[in-house]
């Protein structure tokens, strides 16, 4: 895959002011998913960004990208590229 084939994930705003606003926008943007599923993904993104001690604005940006990517995969808006060409790996042979 070349970098020309990589597209940016769509976002609804340039930046969100807080996690609550982001949650509302994600629930609006993914109406086919249960609210609980959207919120679980958002909570997991918050947890991950806290582990890296990101500034709040950076955490919101990174968290949004994580959640949007996950939800777009879930809804089929993005193909799961990791599984489109699975490869079989031979088990290592033990030395005799």
Protein backbone atom coordinates (compact mmCIF):
# COMPACT_ATOMS: atom_id res chain seq x y z
CA UNK A 1 0.00 0.00 0.00
CA UNK A 2 1.32 3.39 -0.89
CA UNK A 3 0.79 6.48 1.21
CA UNK A 4 -1.43 7.81 -1.61
CA UNK A 5 -3.96 5.11 -0.70
CA UNK A 6 -4.16 6.21 2.94
CA UNK A 7 -7.11 8.49 3.61
CA UNK A 8 -7.77 10.58 6.68
CA UNK A 9 -10.62 9.52 8.90
CA UNK A 10 -13.56 11.89 8.63
CA UNK A 11 -14.15 14.11 11.65
CA UNK A 12 -17.18 16.20 12.50
CA UNK A 13 -15.28 19.09 14.13
CA UNK A 14 -11.77 20.46 14.06
CA UNK A 15 -11.53 19.81 17.79
CA UNK A 16 -13.87 18.86 20.64
CA UNK A 17 -13.90 20.82 23.86
CA UNK A 18 -14.57 17.83 26.14
CA UNK A 19 -15.30 14.10 26.23
CA UNK A 20 -19.05 14.65 26.70
CA UNK A 21 -19.32 16.63 23.47
CA UNK A 22 -17.28 14.02 21.65
CA UNK A 23 -19.57 11.27 23.00
CA UNK A 24 -22.66 13.11 21.76
CA UNK A 25 -21.14 13.59 18.31
CA UNK A 26 -20.06 9.96 18.05
CA UNK A 27 -23.52 8.73 19.05
CA UNK A 28 -25.00 11.03 16.40
CA UNK A 29 -22.52 9.90 13.74
CA UNK A 30 -23.05 6.17 14.37
CA UNK A 31 -26.83 5.83 14.79
CA UNK A 32 -26.87 2.15 13.82
CA UNK A 33 -24.81 1.22 16.88
CA UNK A 34 -26.09 0.93 20.41
CA UNK A 35 -25.15 3.93 22.55
CA UNK A 36 -23.48 1.58 25.03
CA UNK A 37 -21.13 0.26 22.35
CA UNK A 38 -20.12 3.77 21.34
CA UNK A 39 -19.59 4.81 24.96
CA UNK A 40 -17.57 1.66 25.79
CA UNK A 41 -15.24 2.46 22.91
CA UNK A 42 -14.92 6.04 24.11
CA UNK A 43 -14.17 4.99 27.70
CA UNK A 44 -11.47 2.62 26.45
CA UNK A 45 -9.93 5.45 24.40
CA UNK A 46 -9.94 7.69 27.48
CA UNK A 47 -8.21 4.96 29.47
CA UNK A 48 -5.51 4.52 26.83
CA UNK A 49 -4.83 8.24 26.46
CA UNK A 50 -4.50 8.60 30.23
CA UNK A 51 -1.83 5.90 30.26
CA UNK A 52 0.26 8.08 27.99
CA UNK A 53 -0.32 11.24 30.05
CA UNK A 54 -1.44 13.23 27.03
CA UNK A 55 -2.60 16.81 27.40
CA UNK A 56 -6.40 17.00 27.38
CA UNK A 57 -6.66 18.47 23.88
CA UNK A 58 -4.26 15.86 22.50
CA UNK A 59 -6.09 13.11 24.36
CA UNK A 60 -9.38 14.20 22.81
CA UNK A 61 -7.86 14.22 19.30
CA UNK A 62 -6.20 10.83 19.68
CA UNK A 63 -9.23 9.37 21.45
CA UNK A 64 -11.55 10.52 18.69
CA UNK A 65 -9.40 8.93 16.02
CA UNK A 66 -9.22 5.67 17.97
CA UNK A 67 -12.97 5.50 18.50
CA UNK A 68 -13.94 6.60 15.00
CA UNK A 69 -11.61 4.01 13.49
CA UNK A 70 -13.01 1.24 15.69
CA UNK A 71 -16.63 2.21 15.04
CA UNK A 72 -16.06 2.56 11.30
CA UNK A 73 -14.60 -0.95 11.25
CA UNK A 74 -17.55 -2.21 13.28
CA UNK A 75 -20.13 -0.68 10.95
CA UNK A 76 -18.29 -1.72 7.78
CA UNK A 77 -17.52 1.85 6.72
CA UNK A 78 -13.85 0.83 6.64
CA UNK A 79 -12.61 -2.56 5.51
CA UNK A 80 -10.62 -4.53 8.05
CA UNK A 81 -7.39 -4.45 6.05
CA UNK A 82 -5.58 -6.62 8.56
CA UNK A 83 -7.75 -9.55 7.53
CA UNK A 84 -8.12 -9.05 3.79
CA UNK A 85 -5.00 -11.04 2.95
CA UNK A 86 -4.32 -13.45 5.81
CA UNK A 87 -1.04 -15.31 5.67
CA UNK A 88 -0.20 -18.70 7.06
CA UNK A 89 3.03 -18.81 9.00
CA UNK A 90 4.93 -22.04 9.34
CA UNK A 91 5.76 -23.10 12.87
CA UNK A 92 9.49 -23.00 13.62
CA UNK A 93 11.18 -26.36 13.38
CA UNK A 94 12.88 -27.47 16.60
CA UNK A 95 16.54 -28.35 16.28
CA UNK A 96 17.27 -32.03 16.85
